[in-house]
């Protein structure tokens, strides 16, 4: 009986192998392809694209520049569908005055400190095991808790509790995925921090929502 293929290493560029043995070019572990001073990606987090880009950082977070004051932080085992977009704080315009126009970026003097530019914005933080649906937009400063599911086309801002089901524009929490007690235990167990062999041993418990079995196999 042939042995099972090994689980894809977290540094694999294309972690999905097709039946003919070739790599699927539209699925990418982001940590393997993004080297950006303002973006942090956890292991095993992948993104999908029907037309894979040459620059994944610019594809998913085009406003996060190397000189941006804010950061984009994405946890482990996240799943990012085609067309999902992170609009980080450097995309913002000042909106507390009479005009939102960014005069400073078009000249007329040094840009630094100009009154038409906003101050530094907050980091955008995505937890672990977050599924972000196709064409969802994550707005500047969003903080999305672990285990959350973001529906297709959702426009997400603010703080989203862990293990929420979120949809709409503007996005709202439709319901928690589990009862509060279960969510608290899952966050304490934090299976995404386990060694990969222990995670694979617990696959049935994780995907079958068997909390007792997951607690029993916990390292």
C-alpha atoms as a PDB file:
ATOM      1  CA  UNK A   1       0.000   0.000   0.000  1.00  0.00           C
ATOM      2  CA  UNK A   2       1.534   3.364  -0.995  1.00  0.00           C
ATOM      3  CA  UNK A   3       2.460   5.707   1.825  1.00  0.00           C
ATOM      4  CA  UNK A   4       0.498   8.887   2.326  1.00  0.00           C
ATOM      5  CA  UNK A   5       2.070  12.001   0.841  1.00  0.00           C
ATOM      6  CA  UNK A   6       3.717  14.278   3.403  1.00  0.00           C
ATOM      7  CA  UNK A   7       1.940  17.409   4.552  1.00  0.00           C
ATOM      8  CA  UNK A   8       3.149  20.523   2.745  1.00  0.00           C
ATOM      9  CA  UNK A   9       5.959  22.345   4.512  1.00  0.00           C
ATOM     10  CA  UNK A  10       5.138  25.895   5.672  1.00  0.00           C
ATOM     11  CA  UNK A  11       7.822  27.293   3.346  1.00  0.00           C
ATOM     12  CA  UNK A  12       6.264  25.686   0.249  1.00  0.00           C
ATOM     13  CA  UNK A  13       5.386  28.229  -2.433  1.00  0.00           C
ATOM     14  CA  UNK A  14       2.718  26.007  -3.979  1.00  0.00           C
ATOM     15  CA  UNK A  15       1.556  23.558  -1.282  1.00  0.00           C
ATOM     16  CA  UNK A  16      -1.185  21.787  -3.283  1.00  0.00           C
ATOM     17  CA  UNK A  17      -0.126  18.915  -5.554  1.00  0.00           C
ATOM     18  CA  UNK A  18      -2.458  17.978  -8.405  1.00  0.00           C
ATOM     19  CA  UNK A  19      -3.175  14.339  -9.390  1.00  0.00           C
ATOM     20  CA  UNK A  20      -0.615  14.532 -12.209  1.00  0.00           C
ATOM     21  CA  UNK A  21       2.084  15.492  -9.729  1.00  0.00           C
ATOM     22  CA  UNK A  22       2.305  19.150 -10.717  1.00  0.00           C
ATOM     23  CA  UNK A  23       1.870  22.022  -8.301  1.00  0.00           C
ATOM     24  CA  UNK A  24      -1.336  24.050  -8.297  1.00  0.00           C
ATOM     25  CA  UNK A  25      -0.122  27.573  -9.185  1.00  0.00           C
ATOM     26  CA  UNK A  26      -3.191  29.344  -7.803  1.00  0.00           C
ATOM     27  CA  UNK A  27      -2.668  28.298  -4.172  1.00  0.00           C
ATOM     28  CA  UNK A  28       0.240  29.824  -2.278  1.00  0.00           C
ATOM     29  CA  UNK A  29       1.536  29.796   1.268  1.00  0.00           C
ATOM     30  CA  UNK A  30       1.936  33.533   1.749  1.00  0.00           C
ATOM     31  CA  UNK A  31       4.807  33.329   4.210  1.00  0.00           C
ATOM     32  CA  UNK A  32       6.909  31.717   1.479  1.00  0.00           C
ATOM     33  CA  UNK A  33       6.362  34.501  -1.041  1.00  0.00           C
ATOM     34  CA  UNK A  34       5.933  37.722   0.967  1.00  0.00           C
ATOM     35  CA  UNK A  35       9.041  39.444   2.273  1.00  0.00           C
ATOM     36  CA  UNK A  36       7.735  42.834   3.345  1.00  0.00           C
ATOM     37  CA  UNK A  37       8.849  44.951   6.321  1.00  0.00           C
ATOM     38  CA  UNK A  38       5.268  45.870   7.273  1.00  0.00           C
ATOM     39  CA  UNK A  39       3.512  42.527   6.700  1.00  0.00           C
ATOM     40  CA  UNK A  40       3.694  39.525   9.037  1.00  0.00           C
ATOM     41  CA  UNK A  41       2.216  36.185   7.943  1.00  0.00           C
ATOM     42  CA  UNK A  42       1.845  33.067  10.071  1.00  0.00           C
ATOM     43  CA  UNK A  43       2.774  29.597   8.897  1.00  0.00           C
ATOM     44  CA  UNK A  44       0.385  27.568   6.716  1.00  0.00           C
ATOM     45  CA  UNK A  45      -1.726  30.624   5.833  1.00  0.00           C
ATOM     46  CA  UNK A  46      -2.599  30.446   2.155  1.00  0.00           C
ATOM     47  CA  UNK A  47      -4.207  32.616  -0.488  1.00  0.00           C
ATOM     48  CA  UNK A  48      -5.878  31.591  -3.732  1.00  0.00           C
ATOM     49  CA  UNK A  49      -5.954  33.379  -7.075  1.00  0.00           C
ATOM     50  CA  UNK A  50      -7.410  32.383 -10.436  1.00  0.00           C
ATOM     51  CA  UNK A  51      -4.648  34.443 -12.041  1.00  0.00           C
ATOM     52  CA  UNK A  52      -1.662  34.209  -9.675  1.00  0.00           C
ATOM     53  CA  UNK A  53       0.130  37.543  -9.256  1.00  0.00           C
ATOM     54  CA  UNK A  54       3.840  38.175  -9.490  1.00  0.00           C
ATOM     55  CA  UNK A  55       3.708  40.206  -6.270  1.00  0.00           C
ATOM     56  CA  UNK A  56       1.443  38.705  -3.621  1.00  0.00           C
ATOM     57  CA  UNK A  57       1.980  41.529  -1.130  1.00  0.00           C
ATOM     58  CA  UNK A  58       0.800  44.133  -3.639  1.00  0.00           C
ATOM     59  CA  UNK A  59      -2.046  41.843  -4.694  1.00  0.00           C
ATOM     60  CA  UNK A  60      -3.639  41.409  -1.266  1.00  0.00           C
ATOM     61  CA  UNK A  61      -2.484  44.620   0.463  1.00  0.00           C
ATOM     62  CA  UNK A  62      -1.677  47.241  -2.189  1.00  0.00           C
ATOM     63  CA  UNK A  63      -1.656  50.183   0.249  1.00  0.00           C
ATOM     64  CA  UNK A  64       0.814  48.630   2.677  1.00  0.00           C
ATOM     65  CA  UNK A  65       4.061  50.221   1.542  1.00  0.00           C
ATOM     66  CA  UNK A  66       7.547  49.443   2.872  1.00  0.00           C
ATOM     67  CA  UNK A  67       7.546  52.909   4.492  1.00  0.00           C
ATOM     68  CA  UNK A  68       4.022  52.626   5.940  1.00  0.00           C
ATOM     69  CA  UNK A  69       3.801  53.303   9.674  1.00  0.00           C
ATOM     70  CA  UNK A  70       1.148  50.622  10.178  1.00  0.00           C
ATOM     71  CA  UNK A  71       1.464  46.843   9.914  1.00  0.00           C
ATOM     72  CA  UNK A  72      -0.680  44.051   8.539  1.00  0.00           C
ATOM     73  CA  UNK A  73      -0.473  40.957  10.750  1.00  0.00           C
ATOM     74  CA  UNK A  74      -2.124  37.679   9.685  1.00  0.00           C
ATOM     75  CA  UNK A  75      -2.052  34.587  11.890  1.00  0.00           C
ATOM     76  CA  UNK A  76      -1.464  30.892  11.184  1.00  0.00           C
ATOM     77  CA  UNK A  77      -3.701  28.593   9.119  1.00  0.00           C
ATOM     78  CA  UNK A  78      -5.742  31.433   7.598  1.00  0.00           C
ATOM     79  CA  UNK A  79      -7.518  30.899   4.291  1.00  0.00           C
ATOM     80  CA  UNK A  80      -7.770  33.871   1.930  1.00  0.00           C
ATOM     81  CA  UNK A  81      -9.986  33.501  -1.118  1.00  0.00           C
ATOM     82  CA  UNK A  82      -9.462  35.021  -4.550  1.00  0.00           C
ATOM     83  CA  UNK A  83     -10.098  38.765  -4.629  1.00  0.00           C
ATOM     84  CA  UNK A  84      -9.897  39.377  -0.884  1.00  0.00           C
ATOM     85  CA  UNK A  85      -8.321  42.759  -0.180  1.00  0.00           C
ATOM     86  CA  UNK A  86      -6.684  44.315   2.876  1.00  0.00           C
ATOM     87  CA  UNK A  87      -7.041  48.101   2.759  1.00  0.00           C
ATOM     88  CA  UNK A  88      -4.572  49.239   5.393  1.00  0.00           C
ATOM     89  CA  UNK A  89      -4.256  52.663   7.015  1.00  0.00           C
ATOM     90  CA  UNK A  90      -1.907  54.191   4.433  1.00  0.00           C
ATOM     91  CA  UNK A  91      -4.867  54.242   2.042  1.00  0.00           C
ATOM     92  CA  UNK A  92      -6.697  56.714   4.296  1.00  0.00           C
ATOM     93  CA  UNK A  93      -7.383  60.366   3.518  1.00  0.00           C
ATOM     94  CA  UNK A  94      -7.900  63.014   6.122  1.00  0.00           C
ATOM     95  CA  UNK A  95     -11.678  63.488   6.500  1.00  0.00           C
ATOM     96  CA  UNK A  96     -12.106  65.861   9.403  1.00  0.00           C
ATOM     97  CA  UNK A  97     -11.657  69.056   7.362  1.00  0.00           C
ATOM     98  CA  UNK A  98     -13.463  70.688   4.455  1.00  0.00           C
ATOM     99  CA  UNK A  99     -11.685  68.547   1.843  1.00  0.00           C
ATOM    100  CA  UNK A 100     -10.359  64.987   1.720  1.00  0.00           C
ATOM    101  CA  UNK A 101      -7.940  65.798  -1.150  1.00  0.00           C
ATOM    102  CA  UNK A 102      -4.307  64.762  -0.433  1.00  0.00           C
ATOM    103  CA  UNK A 103      -2.621  67.884  -1.808  1.00  0.00           C
ATOM    104  CA  UNK A 104       0.738  66.921  -0.323  1.00  0.00           C
ATOM    105  CA  UNK A 105       1.331  63.887  -2.512  1.00  0.00           C
ATOM    106  CA  UNK A 106       1.230  65.996  -5.687  1.00  0.00           C
ATOM    107  CA  UNK A 107       3.959  68.440  -4.710  1.00  0.00           C
ATOM    108  CA  UNK A 108       3.987  72.022  -3.547  1.00  0.00           C
ATOM    109  CA  UNK A 109       6.538  71.329  -0.847  1.00  0.00           C
ATOM    110  CA  UNK A 110       7.718  68.466   1.341  1.00  0.00           C
ATOM    111  CA  UNK A 111       4.964  65.940   2.062  1.00  0.00           C
ATOM    112  CA  UNK A 112       6.005  65.255   5.656  1.00  0.00           C
ATOM    113  CA  UNK A 113       3.829  67.058   8.152  1.00  0.00           C
ATOM    114  CA  UNK A 114       1.559  68.610   5.538  1.00  0.00           C
ATOM    115  CA  UNK A 115      -1.977  69.345   6.803  1.00  0.00           C
ATOM    116  CA  UNK A 116      -3.656  67.448   3.940  1.00  0.00           C
ATOM    117  CA  UNK A 117      -2.231  64.102   5.095  1.00  0.00           C
ATOM    118  CA  UNK A 118      -3.674  62.046   7.954  1.00  0.00           C
ATOM    119  CA  UNK A 119      -1.568  60.910  10.862  1.00  0.00           C
ATOM    120  CA  UNK A 120      -0.413  57.290  11.238  1.00  0.00           C
ATOM    121  CA  UNK A 121      -3.246  54.798  11.410  1.00  0.00           C
ATOM    122  CA  UNK A 122      -3.699  51.586  13.401  1.00  0.00           C
ATOM    123  CA  UNK A 123      -2.374  48.143  12.532  1.00  0.00           C
ATOM    124  CA  UNK A 124      -4.700  45.604  10.929  1.00  0.00           C
ATOM    125  CA  UNK A 125      -4.659  42.317  12.852  1.00  0.00           C
ATOM    126  CA  UNK A 126      -6.071  38.996  11.648  1.00  0.00           C
ATOM    127  CA  UNK A 127      -6.144  36.078  14.113  1.00  0.00           C
ATOM    128  CA  UNK A 128      -5.517  32.394  13.428  1.00  0.00           C
ATOM    129  CA  UNK A 129      -7.675  30.035  11.352  1.00  0.00           C
ATOM    130  CA  UNK A 130      -9.673  32.901   9.799  1.00  0.00           C
ATOM    131  CA  UNK A 131     -11.470  32.181   6.512  1.00  0.00           C
ATOM    132  CA  UNK A 132     -11.831  35.309   4.356  1.00  0.00           C
ATOM    133  CA  UNK A 133     -14.282  34.842   1.484  1.00  0.00           C
ATOM    134  CA  UNK A 134     -13.900  35.938  -2.103  1.00  0.00           C
ATOM    135  CA  UNK A 135     -13.858  39.699  -2.732  1.00  0.00           C
ATOM    136  CA  UNK A 136     -14.106  40.489   0.974  1.00  0.00           C
ATOM    137  CA  UNK A 137     -12.527  43.814   1.961  1.00  0.00           C
ATOM    138  CA  UNK A 138     -10.816  44.285   5.311  1.00  0.00           C
ATOM    139  CA  UNK A 139     -10.671  47.981   6.223  1.00  0.00           C
ATOM    140  CA  UNK A 140      -7.882  49.843   8.065  1.00  0.00           C
ATOM    141  CA  UNK A 141      -7.446  48.927  11.696  1.00  0.00           C
ATOM    142  CA  UNK A 142      -9.780  45.924  11.658  1.00  0.00           C
ATOM    143  CA  UNK A 143      -9.030  43.343  14.322  1.00  0.00           C
ATOM    144  CA  UNK A 144     -10.512  39.960  13.456  1.00  0.00           C
ATOM    145  CA  UNK A 145     -10.552  37.256  16.103  1.00  0.00           C
ATOM    146  CA  UNK A 146      -9.333  33.711  15.521  1.00  0.00           C
ATOM    147  CA  UNK A 147     -11.733  31.200  14.008  1.00  0.00           C
ATOM    148  CA  UNK A 148     -13.855  33.846  12.284  1.00  0.00           C
ATOM    149  CA  UNK A 149     -15.509  33.305   8.898  1.00  0.00           C
ATOM    150  CA  UNK A 150     -15.818  36.392   6.665  1.00  0.00           C
ATOM    151  CA  UNK A 151     -18.500  36.028   3.995  1.00  0.00           C
ATOM    152  CA  UNK A 152     -17.929  36.736   0.306  1.00  0.00           C
ATOM    153  CA  UNK A 153     -18.029  40.441  -0.512  1.00  0.00           C
ATOM    154  CA  UNK A 154     -18.140  41.541   3.129  1.00  0.00           C
ATOM    155  CA  UNK A 155     -16.661  44.930   4.034  1.00  0.00           C
ATOM    156  CA  UNK A 156     -15.196  44.523   7.506  1.00  0.00           C
ATOM    157  CA  UNK A 157     -14.201  47.230   9.993  1.00  0.00           C
ATOM    158  CA  UNK A 158     -13.607  47.402  13.729  1.00  0.00           C
ATOM    159  CA  UNK A 159     -13.228  44.568  16.219  1.00  0.00           C
ATOM    160  CA  UNK A 160     -14.702  41.178  15.357  1.00  0.00           C
ATOM    161  CA  UNK A 161     -14.944  38.650  18.213  1.00  0.00           C
ATOM    162  CA  UNK A 162     -13.301  35.248  17.826  1.00  0.00           C
ATOM    163  CA  UNK A 163     -15.315  32.515  16.132  1.00  0.00           C
ATOM    164  CA  UNK A 164     -17.840  34.889  14.565  1.00  0.00           C
ATOM    165  CA  UNK A 165     -19.737  34.478  11.316  1.00  0.00           C
ATOM    166  CA  UNK A 166     -19.563  37.852   9.546  1.00  0.00           C
ATOM    167  CA  UNK A 167     -21.249  39.051   6.342  1.00  0.00           C
ATOM    168  CA  UNK A 168     -22.589  42.135   4.598  1.00  0.00           C
ATOM    169  CA  UNK A 169     -21.640  45.696   3.654  1.00  0.00           C
ATOM    170  CA  UNK A 170     -21.067  47.098   6.153  1.00  0.00           C
ATOM    171  CA  UNK A 171     -20.257  43.741   7.697  1.00  0.00           C
ATOM    172  CA  UNK A 172     -21.966  42.644  10.868  1.00  0.00           C
ATOM    173  CA  UNK A 173     -21.694  39.618  13.088  1.00  0.00           C
ATOM    174  CA  UNK A 174     -24.476  37.260  12.025  1.00  0.00           C
ATOM    175  CA  UNK A 175     -23.914  34.937  14.969  1.00  0.00           C
ATOM    176  CA  UNK A 176     -21.137  33.282  16.952  1.00  0.00           C
ATOM    177  CA  UNK A 177     -20.045  29.953  15.534  1.00  0.00           C
ATOM    178  CA  UNK A 178     -20.110  28.246  18.941  1.00  0.00           C
ATOM    179  CA  UNK A 179     -21.299  28.952  22.446  1.00  0.00           C
ATOM    180  CA  UNK A 180     -19.129  31.253  24.561  1.00  0.00           C
ATOM    181  CA  UNK A 181     -17.803  28.450  26.763  1.00  0.00           C
ATOM    182  CA  UNK A 182     -16.607  26.459  23.740  1.00  0.00           C
ATOM    183  CA  UNK A 183     -14.973  29.525  22.202  1.00  0.00           C
ATOM    184  CA  UNK A 184     -13.086  30.218  25.424  1.00  0.00           C
ATOM    185  CA  UNK A 185     -11.789  26.648  25.504  1.00  0.00           C
ATOM    186  CA  UNK A 186     -10.747  26.754  21.845  1.00  0.00           C
ATOM    187  CA  UNK A 187      -8.788  29.954  22.399  1.00  0.00           C
ATOM    188  CA  UNK A 188      -7.096  28.375  25.408  1.00  0.00           C
ATOM    189  CA  UNK A 189      -6.278  25.178  23.523  1.00  0.00           C
ATOM    190  CA  UNK A 190      -4.918  27.220  20.550  1.00  0.00           C
ATOM    191  CA  UNK A 191      -4.404  24.179  18.336  1.00  0.00           C
ATOM    192  CA  UNK A 192      -2.777  26.365  15.654  1.00  0.00           C
ATOM    193  CA  UNK A 193       0.303  26.655  17.875  1.00  0.00           C
ATOM    194  CA  UNK A 194       0.800  22.890  18.122  1.00  0.00           C
ATOM    195  CA  UNK A 195       3.431  20.998  16.113  1.00  0.00           C
ATOM    196  CA  UNK A 196       2.033  20.023  12.729  1.00  0.00           C
ATOM    197  CA  UNK A 197       2.170  16.286  13.459  1.00  0.00           C
ATOM    198  CA  UNK A 198      -0.013  16.796  16.543  1.00  0.00           C
ATOM    199  CA  UNK A 199      -2.430  18.960  14.535  1.00  0.00           C
ATOM    200  CA  UNK A 200      -2.754  16.243  11.880  1.00  0.00           C
ATOM    201  CA  UNK A 201      -3.374  13.642  14.594  1.00  0.00           C
ATOM    202  CA  UNK A 202      -6.198  15.869  15.842  1.00  0.00           C
ATOM    203  CA  UNK A 203      -7.665  16.537  12.382  1.00  0.00           C
ATOM    204  CA  UNK A 204     -10.862  14.586  13.050  1.00  0.00           C
ATOM    205  CA  UNK A 205     -11.431  16.365  16.361  1.00  0.00           C
ATOM    206  CA  UNK A 206     -10.704  19.817  14.937  1.00  0.00           C
ATOM    207  CA  UNK A 207     -12.836  19.440  11.819  1.00  0.00           C
ATOM    208  CA  UNK A 208     -15.530  17.425  13.572  1.00  0.00           C
ATOM    209  CA  UNK A 209     -15.947  19.934  16.427  1.00  0.00           C
ATOM    210  CA  UNK A 210     -15.171  17.261  19.038  1.00  0.00           C
ATOM    211  CA  UNK A 211     -13.952  19.398  21.921  1.00  0.00           C
ATOM    212  CA  UNK A 212     -13.480  16.476  24.330  1.00  0.00           C
ATOM    213  CA  UNK A 213     -11.289  14.617  21.851  1.00  0.00           C
ATOM    214  CA  UNK A 214      -9.327  17.786  21.094  1.00  0.00           C
ATOM    215  CA  UNK A 215      -8.677  18.364  24.776  1.00  0.00           C
ATOM    216  CA  UNK A 216      -7.600  14.730  25.191  1.00  0.00           C
ATOM    217  CA  UNK A 217      -4.953  14.988  22.456  1.00  0.00           C
ATOM    218  CA  UNK A 218      -3.738  18.410  23.515  1.00  0.00           C
ATOM    219  CA  UNK A 219       0.059  18.458  23.956  1.00  0.00           C
END
